[in-house]
Amino acid sequence: MDTITAAAPRKLLGVGLYTAAEASGLTGISSIRIRLWLTGYAHGPRDRPGWSDPLWTPQLPRSGKDVALGFRDLIELRFVASFIVAGISLHSIRRALVIGRQMVGDERPFSTTWFRIDGRTIFLQVSTEAEEPTLIDLFHRQYAFNRAVEPSFRDIDFAEAAAERWWPMSRRSRALVDPTRTFGHPIVAEHRVPTQALADAAIAEGSVAKVAKLFELPIGAVRDAVAFERRAA
C-alpha cells in the first residue's frame, strides 16, 4: 500500500494514515466516491453549477492533491456506504450527520458508542423532516434499522467514546486494523506483523509454510494475511 510521507509521525500516532486508494482497498468503497464525499464536488448544468460540501473534514490535512484519512474516517465511511445500500439518500445522510454532531458532540457521530446505542434517534428526527419514504419506512421499524446498521458494528471494537479497532475480515480472521499500530495499516493480531509483508513474502517464497517458519508464526496467521491482501487488492 502507498503511504503519505508529508504528515509528521508524532501527529499520526493513534490516528491512522490512509490514502483514498488505501481506504478503498479496506472498505470496498471506490476511491473516486471517497474523494467526492470528503472533498466536495460540483454538480448541475455548466451554466448554473452547484456545489456539495464534504460530508465532514478528514482527520488529516490533504497531502498534495490526494485526500488523507484517519481511522475514524474509515469507520464513518463504512456507515455512510451501508446507509446508501439501504436506500437512504445522501441528502438525508448529510442531515443525519448534522443532527448527530449536535447530539453527540463529535464530528464523526456514526463511529461513536452513542450511535451504537441510540443511533436510531438521529434518523427518526431526520425522517420527520425529509419526507423521504424509504427513510421513514426504514427507521420507523426497529428491526429494519438493526438490519441496515448492526452488521457494521459486529467487527468493530469500541473504547469509551468511539471506534478503536476494526476486524475487516470478521473476528474469525487475524487481520486487524488498529490505529495505534503501524499507523493503522493492517496487521496480524497478536503478532503485530503487517499483513502486506506476509503476503509479499508468500509470493516471493511461493509457500505459506515457509513464510510461517521464517516469521515464526502459525500457518493460519499467514493464510489470513494473504487472504486479506488478496481481497484488498
C-alpha atoms as a PDB file:
ATOM      1  CA  MET A   1       0.000   0.000   0.000  1.00  0.00           C
ATOM      2  CA  ASP A   2       1.092   3.552  -0.682  1.00  0.00           C
ATOM      3  CA  THR A   3       1.775   5.890   2.210  1.00  0.00           C
ATOM      4  CA  ILE A   4       1.668   9.632   2.698  1.00  0.00           C
ATOM      5  CA  THR A   5       5.007  10.828   3.992  1.00  0.00           C
ATOM      6  CA  ALA A   6       4.221  14.517   4.419  1.00  0.00           C
ATOM      7  CA  ALA A   7       2.444  14.188   7.766  1.00  0.00           C
ATOM      8  CA  ALA A   8       4.504  14.264  10.954  1.00  0.00           C
ATOM      9  CA  PRO A   9       4.725  10.766  12.503  1.00  0.00           C
ATOM     10  CA  ARG A  10       4.020  12.077  16.007  1.00  0.00           C
ATOM     11  CA  LYS A  11       0.683  13.529  14.867  1.00  0.00           C
ATOM     12  CA  LEU A  12      -0.308  10.196  13.329  1.00  0.00           C
ATOM     13  CA  LEU A  13       0.028   8.095  16.478  1.00  0.00           C
ATOM     14  CA  GLY A  14      -3.348   6.647  17.312  1.00  0.00           C
ATOM     15  CA  VAL A  15      -4.965   8.372  14.308  1.00  0.00           C
ATOM     16  CA  GLY A  16      -4.053   6.135  11.388  1.00  0.00           C
ATOM     17  CA  LEU A  17      -2.956   7.177   7.914  1.00  0.00           C
ATOM     18  CA  TYR A  18      -4.599   6.194   4.634  1.00  0.00           C
ATOM     19  CA  THR A  19      -4.776   7.490   1.080  1.00  0.00           C
ATOM     20  CA  ALA A  20      -8.077   7.301  -0.787  1.00  0.00           C
ATOM     21  CA  ALA A  21      -6.754   4.225  -2.625  1.00  0.00           C
ATOM     22  CA  GLU A  22      -5.817   2.506   0.640  1.00  0.00           C
ATOM     23  CA  ALA A  23      -9.189   3.378   2.181  1.00  0.00           C
ATOM     24  CA  SER A  24     -10.870   1.936  -0.903  1.00  0.00           C
ATOM     25  CA  GLY A  25      -8.993  -1.339  -0.533  1.00  0.00           C
ATOM     26  CA  LEU A  26     -10.017  -1.602   3.105  1.00  0.00           C
ATOM     27  CA  THR A  27     -13.663  -0.550   2.824  1.00  0.00           C
ATOM     28  CA  GLY A  28     -14.644  -1.618  -0.677  1.00  0.00           C
ATOM     29  CA  ILE A  29     -15.821   1.929  -1.449  1.00  0.00           C
ATOM     30  CA  SER A  30     -14.413   3.355  -4.687  1.00  0.00           C
ATOM     31  CA  SER A  31     -11.594   5.863  -4.257  1.00  0.00           C
ATOM     32  CA  ILE A  32     -13.472   8.276  -6.520  1.00  0.00           C
ATOM     33  CA  ARG A  33     -16.507   8.208  -4.249  1.00  0.00           C
ATOM     34  CA  ILE A  34     -14.314   8.639  -1.159  1.00  0.00           C
ATOM     35  CA  ARG A  35     -12.691  11.731  -2.656  1.00  0.00           C
ATOM     36  CA  LEU A  36     -16.059  13.202  -3.630  1.00  0.00           C
ATOM     37  CA  TRP A  37     -17.533  12.618  -0.183  1.00  0.00           C
ATOM     38  CA  LEU A  38     -14.558  14.103   1.647  1.00  0.00           C
ATOM     39  CA  THR A  39     -13.513  16.950  -0.650  1.00  0.00           C
ATOM     40  CA  GLY A  40     -16.853  18.073  -2.089  1.00  0.00           C
ATOM     41  CA  TYR A  41     -17.964  18.181  -5.706  1.00  0.00           C
ATOM     42  CA  ALA A  42     -19.661  20.295  -8.340  1.00  0.00           C
ATOM     43  CA  HIS A  43     -22.979  19.257  -9.884  1.00  0.00           C
ATOM     44  CA  GLY A  44     -25.750  20.551 -12.085  1.00  0.00           C
ATOM     45  CA  PRO A  45     -25.614  22.263 -15.508  1.00  0.00           C
ATOM     46  CA  ARG A  46     -22.468  24.126 -16.529  1.00  0.00           C
ATOM     47  CA  ASP A  47     -24.264  27.458 -16.777  1.00  0.00           C
ATOM     48  CA  ARG A  48     -25.708  27.050 -13.266  1.00  0.00           C
ATOM     49  CA  PRO A  49     -23.313  24.781 -11.370  1.00  0.00           C
ATOM     50  CA  GLY A  50     -24.000  23.784  -7.803  1.00  0.00           C
ATOM     51  CA  TRP A  51     -21.603  22.647  -5.112  1.00  0.00           C
ATOM     52  CA  SER A  52     -21.884  19.945  -2.449  1.00  0.00           C
ATOM     53  CA  ASP A  53     -19.657  20.389   0.581  1.00  0.00           C
ATOM     54  CA  PRO A  54     -17.674  17.473   2.037  1.00  0.00           C
ATOM     55  CA  LEU A  55     -19.623  15.236   4.388  1.00  0.00           C
ATOM     56  CA  TRP A  56     -17.006  16.054   7.023  1.00  0.00           C
ATOM     57  CA  THR A  57     -13.419  17.273   7.304  1.00  0.00           C
ATOM     58  CA  PRO A  58     -10.937  14.356   7.335  1.00  0.00           C
ATOM     59  CA  GLN A  59      -8.806  13.835  10.425  1.00  0.00           C
ATOM     60  CA  LEU A  60      -5.625  14.652   8.486  1.00  0.00           C
ATOM     61  CA  PRO A  61      -4.721  17.566   6.182  1.00  0.00           C
ATOM     62  CA  ARG A  62      -4.556  16.875   2.461  1.00  0.00           C
ATOM     63  CA  SER A  63      -1.235  15.712   1.032  1.00  0.00           C
ATOM     64  CA  GLY A  64      -0.875  17.369  -2.347  1.00  0.00           C
ATOM     65  CA  LYS A  65      -3.914  16.581  -4.468  1.00  0.00           C
ATOM     66  CA  ASP A  66      -4.867  13.451  -2.559  1.00  0.00           C
ATOM     67  CA  VAL A  67      -7.100  13.242   0.475  1.00  0.00           C
ATOM     68  CA  ALA A  68      -5.602  11.797   3.675  1.00  0.00           C
ATOM     69  CA  LEU A  69      -7.822   9.842   6.044  1.00  0.00           C
ATOM     70  CA  GLY A  70      -7.618   8.704   9.648  1.00  0.00           C
ATOM     71  CA  PHE A  71      -9.042   5.537  11.214  1.00  0.00           C
ATOM     72  CA  ARG A  72     -12.262   7.221  12.348  1.00  0.00           C
ATOM     73  CA  ASP A  73     -12.797   8.437   8.783  1.00  0.00           C
ATOM     74  CA  LEU A  74     -12.655   4.818   7.587  1.00  0.00           C
ATOM     75  CA  ILE A  75     -15.312   3.697  10.041  1.00  0.00           C
ATOM     76  CA  GLU A  76     -17.524   6.662   9.245  1.00  0.00           C
ATOM     77  CA  LEU A  77     -17.282   5.886   5.520  1.00  0.00           C
ATOM     78  CA  ARG A  78     -18.424   2.318   6.136  1.00  0.00           C
ATOM     79  CA  PHE A  79     -21.591   3.535   7.796  1.00  0.00           C
ATOM     80  CA  VAL A  80     -22.332   6.035   5.051  1.00  0.00           C
ATOM     81  CA  ALA A  81     -21.954   3.260   2.475  1.00  0.00           C
ATOM     82  CA  SER A  82     -24.250   0.936   4.437  1.00  0.00           C
ATOM     83  CA  PHE A  83     -26.944   3.618   4.600  1.00  0.00           C
ATOM     84  CA  ILE A  84     -26.756   4.176   0.849  1.00  0.00           C
ATOM     85  CA  VAL A  85     -27.086   0.435   0.231  1.00  0.00           C
ATOM     86  CA  ALA A  86     -30.185   0.539   2.475  1.00  0.00           C
ATOM     87  CA  GLY A  87     -31.699   3.113   0.127  1.00  0.00           C
ATOM     88  CA  ILE A  88     -31.112   6.293   2.112  1.00  0.00           C
ATOM     89  CA  SER A  89     -30.245   9.386   0.086  1.00  0.00           C
ATOM     90  CA  LEU A  90     -27.015  11.275   0.582  1.00  0.00           C
ATOM     91  CA  HIS A  91     -29.111  14.331   1.424  1.00  0.00           C
ATOM     92  CA  SER A  92     -30.659  12.543   4.408  1.00  0.00           C
ATOM     93  CA  ILE A  93     -27.275  11.200   5.471  1.00  0.00           C
ATOM     94  CA  ARG A  94     -25.926  14.757   5.471  1.00  0.00           C
ATOM     95  CA  ARG A  95     -28.804  15.853   7.671  1.00  0.00           C
ATOM     96  CA  ALA A  96     -28.226  12.881   9.993  1.00  0.00           C
ATOM     97  CA  LEU A  97     -24.594  13.915  10.379  1.00  0.00           C
ATOM     98  CA  VAL A  98     -25.633  17.451  11.351  1.00  0.00           C
ATOM     99  CA  ILE A  99     -28.119  16.201  13.931  1.00  0.00           C
ATOM    100  CA  GLY A 100     -25.705  13.563  15.176  1.00  0.00           C
ATOM    101  CA  ARG A 101     -22.947  16.106  15.755  1.00  0.00           C
ATOM    102  CA  GLN A 102     -25.328  18.220  17.812  1.00  0.00           C
ATOM    103  CA  MET A 103     -26.476  15.238  19.871  1.00  0.00           C
ATOM    104  CA  VAL A 104     -23.116  13.542  20.352  1.00  0.00           C
ATOM    105  CA  GLY A 105     -20.721  16.480  20.262  1.00  0.00           C
ATOM    106  CA  ASP A 106     -18.439  14.633  17.842  1.00  0.00           C
ATOM    107  CA  GLU A 107     -17.560  15.497  14.236  1.00  0.00           C
ATOM    108  CA  ARG A 108     -17.952  11.795  13.343  1.00  0.00           C
ATOM    109  CA  PRO A 109     -21.078  10.650  15.206  1.00  0.00           C
ATOM    110  CA  PHE A 110     -21.606   7.380  13.303  1.00  0.00           C
ATOM    111  CA  SER A 111     -18.414   5.874  14.743  1.00  0.00           C
ATOM    112  CA  THR A 112     -19.211   6.650  18.394  1.00  0.00           C
ATOM    113  CA  THR A 113     -20.508   4.405  21.139  1.00  0.00           C
ATOM    114  CA  TRP A 114     -23.537   6.695  21.440  1.00  0.00           C
ATOM    115  CA  PHE A 115     -24.572   5.957  17.872  1.00  0.00           C
ATOM    116  CA  ARG A 116     -24.211   2.256  18.519  1.00  0.00           C
ATOM    117  CA  ILE A 117     -26.640   2.506  21.431  1.00  0.00           C
ATOM    118  CA  ASP A 118     -29.164   5.054  20.150  1.00  0.00           C
ATOM    119  CA  GLY A 119     -28.339   5.969  16.553  1.00  0.00           C
ATOM    120  CA  ARG A 120     -31.931   5.345  15.556  1.00  0.00           C
ATOM    121  CA  THR A 121     -32.908   8.595  17.289  1.00  0.00           C
ATOM    122  CA  ILE A 122     -30.903  10.610  14.764  1.00  0.00           C
ATOM    123  CA  PHE A 123     -32.688   9.119  11.798  1.00  0.00           C
ATOM    124  CA  LEU A 124     -36.105   9.311  13.403  1.00  0.00           C
ATOM    125  CA  GLN A 125     -35.600  13.058  13.631  1.00  0.00           C
ATOM    126  CA  VAL A 126     -34.429  13.205  10.022  1.00  0.00           C
ATOM    127  CA  SER A 127     -37.443  11.185   8.876  1.00  0.00           C
ATOM    128  CA  THR A 128     -39.840  13.785  10.292  1.00  0.00           C
ATOM    129  CA  GLU A 129     -38.163  16.455   8.165  1.00  0.00           C
ATOM    130  CA  ALA A 130     -37.174  14.677   4.966  1.00  0.00           C
ATOM    131  CA  GLU A 131     -40.447  13.298   3.604  1.00  0.00           C
ATOM    132  CA  GLU A 132     -38.381  10.508   2.123  1.00  0.00           C
ATOM    133  CA  PRO A 133     -40.494   7.317   2.042  1.00  0.00           C
ATOM    134  CA  THR A 134     -37.524   4.947   2.139  1.00  0.00           C
ATOM    135  CA  LEU A 135     -36.064   6.687   5.165  1.00  0.00           C
ATOM    136  CA  ILE A 136     -39.352   6.936   7.032  1.00  0.00           C
ATOM    137  CA  ASP A 137     -40.165   3.301   6.359  1.00  0.00           C
ATOM    138  CA  LEU A 138     -36.712   2.089   7.347  1.00  0.00           C
ATOM    139  CA  PHE A 139     -36.265   3.955  10.598  1.00  0.00           C
ATOM    140  CA  HIS A 140     -39.780   3.755  11.976  1.00  0.00           C
ATOM    141  CA  ARG A 141     -39.266  -0.002  12.120  1.00  0.00           C
ATOM    142  CA  GLN A 142     -36.699  -1.066  14.685  1.00  0.00           C
ATOM    143  CA  TYR A 143     -35.884  -4.377  13.021  1.00  0.00           C
ATOM    144  CA  ALA A 144     -35.203  -2.640   9.698  1.00  0.00           C
ATOM    145  CA  PHE A 145     -32.798  -0.234  11.371  1.00  0.00           C
ATOM    146  CA  ASN A 146     -30.943  -3.091  13.023  1.00  0.00           C
ATOM    147  CA  ARG A 147     -30.735  -4.989   9.737  1.00  0.00           C
ATOM    148  CA  ALA A 148     -29.178  -1.987   7.985  1.00  0.00           C
ATOM    149  CA  VAL A 149     -26.774  -0.872  10.705  1.00  0.00           C
ATOM    150  CA  GLU A 150     -25.968  -3.685  13.122  1.00  0.00           C
ATOM    151  CA  PRO A 151     -23.697  -5.669  10.736  1.00  0.00           C
ATOM    152  CA  SER A 152     -21.341  -2.679  10.638  1.00  0.00           C
ATOM    153  CA  PHE A 153     -20.883  -2.860  14.412  1.00  0.00           C
ATOM    154  CA  ARG A 154     -20.057  -6.564  14.691  1.00  0.00           C
ATOM    155  CA  ASP A 155     -16.441  -6.249  13.583  1.00  0.00           C
ATOM    156  CA  ILE A 156     -15.572  -3.050  15.489  1.00  0.00           C
ATOM    157  CA  ASP A 157     -14.071  -2.761  18.980  1.00  0.00           C
ATOM    158  CA  PHE A 158     -15.168   0.369  20.831  1.00  0.00           C
ATOM    159  CA  ALA A 159     -13.335   2.268  23.542  1.00  0.00           C
ATOM    160  CA  GLU A 160     -15.101   4.613  25.968  1.00  0.00           C
ATOM    161  CA  ALA A 161     -16.248   7.067  23.301  1.00  0.00           C
ATOM    162  CA  ALA A 162     -15.549   5.826  19.798  1.00  0.00           C
ATOM    163  CA  ALA A 163     -14.400   3.069  17.463  1.00  0.00           C
ATOM    164  CA  GLU A 164     -10.991   1.780  18.496  1.00  0.00           C
ATOM    165  CA  ARG A 165     -10.123  -1.245  16.321  1.00  0.00           C
ATOM    166  CA  TRP A 166     -11.606  -2.943  13.251  1.00  0.00           C
ATOM    167  CA  TRP A 167     -11.549  -6.579  12.124  1.00  0.00           C
ATOM    168  CA  PRO A 168     -12.068  -6.088   8.356  1.00  0.00           C
ATOM    169  CA  MET A 169     -12.349  -9.816   7.526  1.00  0.00           C
ATOM    170  CA  SER A 170     -14.580 -10.552  10.553  1.00  0.00           C
ATOM    171  CA  ARG A 171     -13.418 -11.551  14.017  1.00  0.00           C
ATOM    172  CA  ARG A 172     -12.648 -15.086  12.850  1.00  0.00           C
ATOM    173  CA  SER A 173      -9.708 -13.746  10.857  1.00  0.00           C
ATOM    174  CA  ARG A 174      -6.479 -12.477  12.433  1.00  0.00           C
ATOM    175  CA  ALA A 175      -6.328  -9.428  10.152  1.00  0.00           C
ATOM    176  CA  LEU A 176      -6.702  -6.299  12.287  1.00  0.00           C
ATOM    177  CA  VAL A 177      -6.752  -2.543  11.667  1.00  0.00           C
ATOM    178  CA  ASP A 178      -5.554  -0.707  14.772  1.00  0.00           C
ATOM    179  CA  PRO A 179      -4.618   2.996  14.513  1.00  0.00           C
ATOM    180  CA  THR A 180      -2.170   2.645  17.411  1.00  0.00           C
ATOM    181  CA  ARG A 181      -0.027   0.154  15.471  1.00  0.00           C
ATOM    182  CA  THR A 182       1.851   0.682  12.178  1.00  0.00           C
ATOM    183  CA  PHE A 183      -0.098   3.899  11.572  1.00  0.00           C
ATOM    184  CA  GLY A 184      -3.295   1.898  11.203  1.00  0.00           C
ATOM    185  CA  HIS A 185      -2.160  -0.339   8.375  1.00  0.00           C
ATOM    186  CA  PRO A 186      -3.429  -3.927   8.656  1.00  0.00           C
ATOM    187  CA  ILE A 187      -1.520  -6.338  10.839  1.00  0.00           C
ATOM    188  CA  VAL A 188      -1.876  -9.886  12.061  1.00  0.00           C
ATOM    189  CA  ALA A 189      -3.390  -9.544  15.515  1.00  0.00           C
ATOM    190  CA  GLU A 190      -1.264 -10.640  18.499  1.00  0.00           C
ATOM    191  CA  HIS A 191       1.853 -10.910  16.338  1.00  0.00           C
ATOM    192  CA  ARG A 192       1.715  -7.324  15.026  1.00  0.00           C
ATOM    193  CA  VAL A 193       3.253  -8.226  11.679  1.00  0.00           C
ATOM    194  CA  PRO A 194       1.918  -6.212   8.688  1.00  0.00           C
ATOM    195  CA  THR A 195      -0.350  -8.331   6.505  1.00  0.00           C
ATOM    196  CA  GLN A 196       1.250  -6.900   3.385  1.00  0.00           C
ATOM    197  CA  ALA A 197       4.726  -8.022   4.489  1.00  0.00           C
ATOM    198  CA  LEU A 198       3.461 -11.578   4.957  1.00  0.00           C
ATOM    199  CA  ALA A 199       1.542 -11.598   1.677  1.00  0.00           C
ATOM    200  CA  ASP A 200       4.578 -10.272  -0.227  1.00  0.00           C
ATOM    201  CA  ALA A 201       6.792 -12.879   1.422  1.00  0.00           C
ATOM    202  CA  ALA A 202       4.349 -15.648   0.484  1.00  0.00           C
ATOM    203  CA  ILE A 203       4.582 -14.586  -3.153  1.00  0.00           C
ATOM    204  CA  ALA A 204       8.367 -14.409  -3.031  1.00  0.00           C
ATOM    205  CA  GLU A 205       8.797 -17.745  -1.258  1.00  0.00           C
ATOM    206  CA  GLY A 206       5.970 -19.478  -3.079  1.00  0.00           C
ATOM    207  CA  SER A 207       4.905 -21.131   0.164  1.00  0.00           C
ATOM    208  CA  VAL A 208       2.783 -20.087   3.137  1.00  0.00           C
ATOM    209  CA  ALA A 209       4.507 -22.718   5.280  1.00  0.00           C
ATOM    210  CA  LYS A 210       7.962 -21.260   4.530  1.00  0.00           C
ATOM    211  CA  VAL A 211       6.790 -17.776   5.474  1.00  0.00           C
ATOM    212  CA  ALA A 212       5.242 -19.042   8.689  1.00  0.00           C
ATOM    213  CA  LYS A 213       8.548 -20.637   9.627  1.00  0.00           C
ATOM    214  CA  LEU A 214      10.532 -17.567   8.597  1.00  0.00           C
ATOM    215  CA  PHE A 215       8.426 -15.202  10.736  1.00  0.00           C
ATOM    216  CA  GLU A 216       7.822 -17.797  13.477  1.00  0.00           C
ATOM    217  CA  LEU A 217       4.058 -17.505  13.075  1.00  0.00           C
ATOM    218  CA  PRO A 218       1.212 -20.020  12.906  1.00  0.00           C
ATOM    219  CA  ILE A 219       0.407 -21.038   9.323  1.00  0.00           C
ATOM    220  CA  GLY A 220      -3.163 -19.851   9.872  1.00  0.00           C
ATOM    221  CA  ALA A 221      -1.936 -16.323  10.601  1.00  0.00           C
ATOM    222  CA  VAL A 222      -0.057 -16.167   7.318  1.00  0.00           C
ATOM    223  CA  ARG A 223      -3.038 -17.552   5.432  1.00  0.00           C
ATOM    224  CA  ASP A 224      -5.281 -14.873   6.945  1.00  0.00           C
ATOM    225  CA  ALA A 225      -2.811 -12.184   5.892  1.00  0.00           C
ATOM    226  CA  VAL A 226      -2.658 -13.498   2.334  1.00  0.00           C
ATOM    227  CA  ALA A 227      -6.452 -13.782   2.125  1.00  0.00           C
ATOM    228  CA  PHE A 228      -6.890 -10.245   3.410  1.00  0.00           C
ATOM    229  CA  GLU A 229      -4.385  -8.708   0.982  1.00  0.00           C
ATOM    230  CA  ARG A 230      -5.962 -10.558  -1.949  1.00  0.00           C
ATOM    231  CA  ARG A 231      -9.357  -9.157  -1.027  1.00  0.00           C
ATOM    232  CA  ALA A 232      -7.969  -5.644  -0.566  1.00  0.00           C
ATOM    233  CA  ALA A 233      -6.282  -5.833  -3.956  1.00  0.00           C
END
